[in-house]
C-alpha atoms as a PDB file:
ATOM      1  CA  MET A   1      83.714  -9.455  79.532  1.00  0.00           C
ATOM      2  CA  ARG A   2      80.553  -6.900  78.863  1.00  0.00           C
ATOM      3  CA  THR A   3      77.391  -6.991  80.516  1.00  0.00           C
ATOM      4  CA  ARG A   4      73.962  -6.098  78.538  1.00  0.00           C
ATOM      5  CA  ARG A   5      72.282  -2.947  80.244  1.00  0.00           C
ATOM      6  CA  TYR A   6      68.586  -2.822  79.197  1.00  0.00           C
ATOM      7  CA  THR A   7      67.030   0.653  79.233  1.00  0.00           C
ATOM      8  CA  THR A   8      63.747   0.888  80.986  1.00  0.00           C
ATOM      9  CA  ALA A   9      62.005   1.891  78.129  1.00  0.00           C
ATOM     10  CA  SER A  10      63.095  -1.230  75.912  1.00  0.00           C
ATOM     11  CA  VAL A  11      61.925  -3.353  78.880  1.00  0.00           C
ATOM     12  CA  VAL A  12      58.446  -1.542  78.614  1.00  0.00           C
ATOM     13  CA  VAL A  13      58.036  -2.158  75.215  1.00  0.00           C
ATOM     14  CA  ALA A  14      58.758  -6.026  75.580  1.00  0.00           C
ATOM     15  CA  VAL A  15      56.582  -6.444  78.389  1.00  0.00           C
ATOM     16  CA  ILE A  16      53.522  -4.675  76.499  1.00  0.00           C
ATOM     17  CA  VAL A  17      54.644  -6.788  73.269  1.00  0.00           C
ATOM     18  CA  LEU A  18      54.150  -9.679  75.611  1.00  0.00           C
ATOM     19  CA  VAL A  19      51.133  -9.033  76.921  1.00  0.00           C
ATOM     20  CA  TRP A  20      49.722  -8.058  73.557  1.00  0.00           C
ATOM     21  CA  LEU A  21      50.531 -11.406  72.492  1.00  0.00           C
ATOM     22  CA  LEU A  22      49.276 -13.244  75.368  1.00  0.00           C
ATOM     23  CA  ILE A  23      45.667 -11.645  75.055  1.00  0.00           C
ATOM     24  CA  GLY A  24      45.651 -12.475  71.276  1.00  0.00           C
ATOM     25  CA  ALA A  25      46.093 -15.882  72.217  1.00  0.00           C
ATOM     26  CA  LEU A  26      43.612 -15.689  75.102  1.00  0.00           C
ATOM     27  CA  ALA A  27      41.245 -14.713  72.273  1.00  0.00           C
ATOM     28  CA  ALA A  28      42.269 -17.461  69.662  1.00  0.00           C
ATOM     29  CA  PHE A  29      41.930 -20.050  72.654  1.00  0.00           C
ATOM     30  CA  GLN A  30      38.539 -18.527  73.703  1.00  0.00           C
ATOM     31  CA  ARG A  31      37.256 -18.717  70.005  1.00  0.00           C
ATOM     32  CA  GLY A  32      38.428 -22.096  70.238  1.00  0.00           C
ATOM     33  CA  TYR A  33      40.828 -22.220  67.221  1.00  0.00           C
ATOM     34  CA  PHE A  34      43.115 -24.381  69.157  1.00  0.00           C
ATOM     35  CA  GLN A  35      40.202 -27.214  69.029  1.00  0.00           C
ATOM     36  CA  GLY A  36      40.901 -29.810  66.431  1.00  0.00           C
ATOM     37  CA  SER A  37      43.217 -31.649  64.452  1.00  0.00           C
ATOM     38  CA  ASP A  38      42.943 -30.276  60.980  1.00  0.00           C
ATOM     39  CA  VAL A  39      45.753 -28.117  60.019  1.00  0.00           C
ATOM     40  CA  THR A  40      44.894 -25.977  56.943  1.00  0.00           C
ATOM     41  CA  CYS A  41      46.296 -22.662  55.569  1.00  0.00           C
ATOM     42  CA  ALA A  42      43.283 -20.768  56.740  1.00  0.00           C
ATOM     43  CA  ARG A  43      43.108 -21.884  59.957  1.00  0.00           C
ATOM     44  CA  THR A  44      46.982 -21.287  60.619  1.00  0.00           C
ATOM     45  CA  SER A  45      46.704 -17.883  59.548  1.00  0.00           C
ATOM     46  CA  THR A  46      43.501 -16.887  61.421  1.00  0.00           C
ATOM     47  CA  ILE A  47      45.242 -18.014  64.323  1.00  0.00           C
ATOM     48  CA  ALA A  48      48.346 -15.900  63.751  1.00  0.00           C
ATOM     49  CA  VAL A  49      46.314 -12.900  62.534  1.00  0.00           C
ATOM     50  CA  THR A  50      43.822 -13.206  65.762  1.00  0.00           C
ATOM     51  CA  VAL A  51      47.181 -13.536  67.717  1.00  0.00           C
ATOM     52  CA  LEU A  52      48.627 -10.582  66.404  1.00  0.00           C
ATOM     53  CA  ALA A  53      45.582  -8.442  66.338  1.00  0.00           C
ATOM     54  CA  GLY A  54      45.855  -8.841  70.571  1.00  0.00           C
ATOM     55  CA  PRO A  55      43.395  -6.791  72.383  1.00  0.00           C
ATOM     56  CA  LEU A  56      41.474  -5.427  68.975  1.00  0.00           C
ATOM     57  CA  ASN A  57      39.851  -8.924  68.964  1.00  0.00           C
ATOM     58  CA  TYR A  58      38.167  -7.261  72.419  1.00  0.00           C
ATOM     59  CA  LEU A  59      36.866  -4.168  70.496  1.00  0.00           C
ATOM     60  CA  GLY A  60      35.019  -6.052  67.810  1.00  0.00           C
ATOM     61  CA  VAL A  61      37.945  -7.388  65.420  1.00  0.00           C
ATOM     62  CA  ASN A  62      37.073 -10.692  63.938  1.00  0.00           C
ATOM     63  CA  PRO A  63      40.006 -11.491  61.725  1.00  0.00           C
ATOM     64  CA  LYS A  64      40.010 -14.528  59.118  1.00  0.00           C
ATOM     65  CA  ILE A  65      42.023 -15.722  56.432  1.00  0.00           C
ATOM     66  CA  ASP A  66      40.932 -17.604  53.539  1.00  0.00           C
ATOM     67  CA  CYS A  67      43.710 -19.432  51.435  1.00  0.00           C
ATOM     68  CA  SER A  68      42.764 -20.774  48.022  1.00  0.00           C
ATOM     69  CA  LEU A  69      45.879 -22.119  46.387  1.00  0.00           C
ATOM     70  CA  PRO A  70      45.558 -21.888  42.226  1.00  0.00           C
ATOM     71  CA  GLN A  71      45.300 -25.296  41.012  1.00  0.00           C
ATOM     72  CA  PRO A  72      47.463 -26.644  38.242  1.00  0.00           C
ATOM     73  CA  SER A  73      46.412 -26.319  34.709  1.00  0.00           C
ATOM     74  CA  GLN A  74      45.649 -29.879  33.078  1.00  0.00           C
END
């Protein structure tokens, strides 16, 4: 049976990524993005981009996504 050995660098990177995403989720929560029940493409995309932006949200980044789907021809 083989055991996995994690290097210090991989653990540090994993912790940094986790903290980055948690800070982004906190920013989305503080902006009220998780409130309400309407689920739209724009809302979901804005939440995802805000979480991915992480600490950049506190440096003035305010990502918003506008989804407009093409309508079928008539």
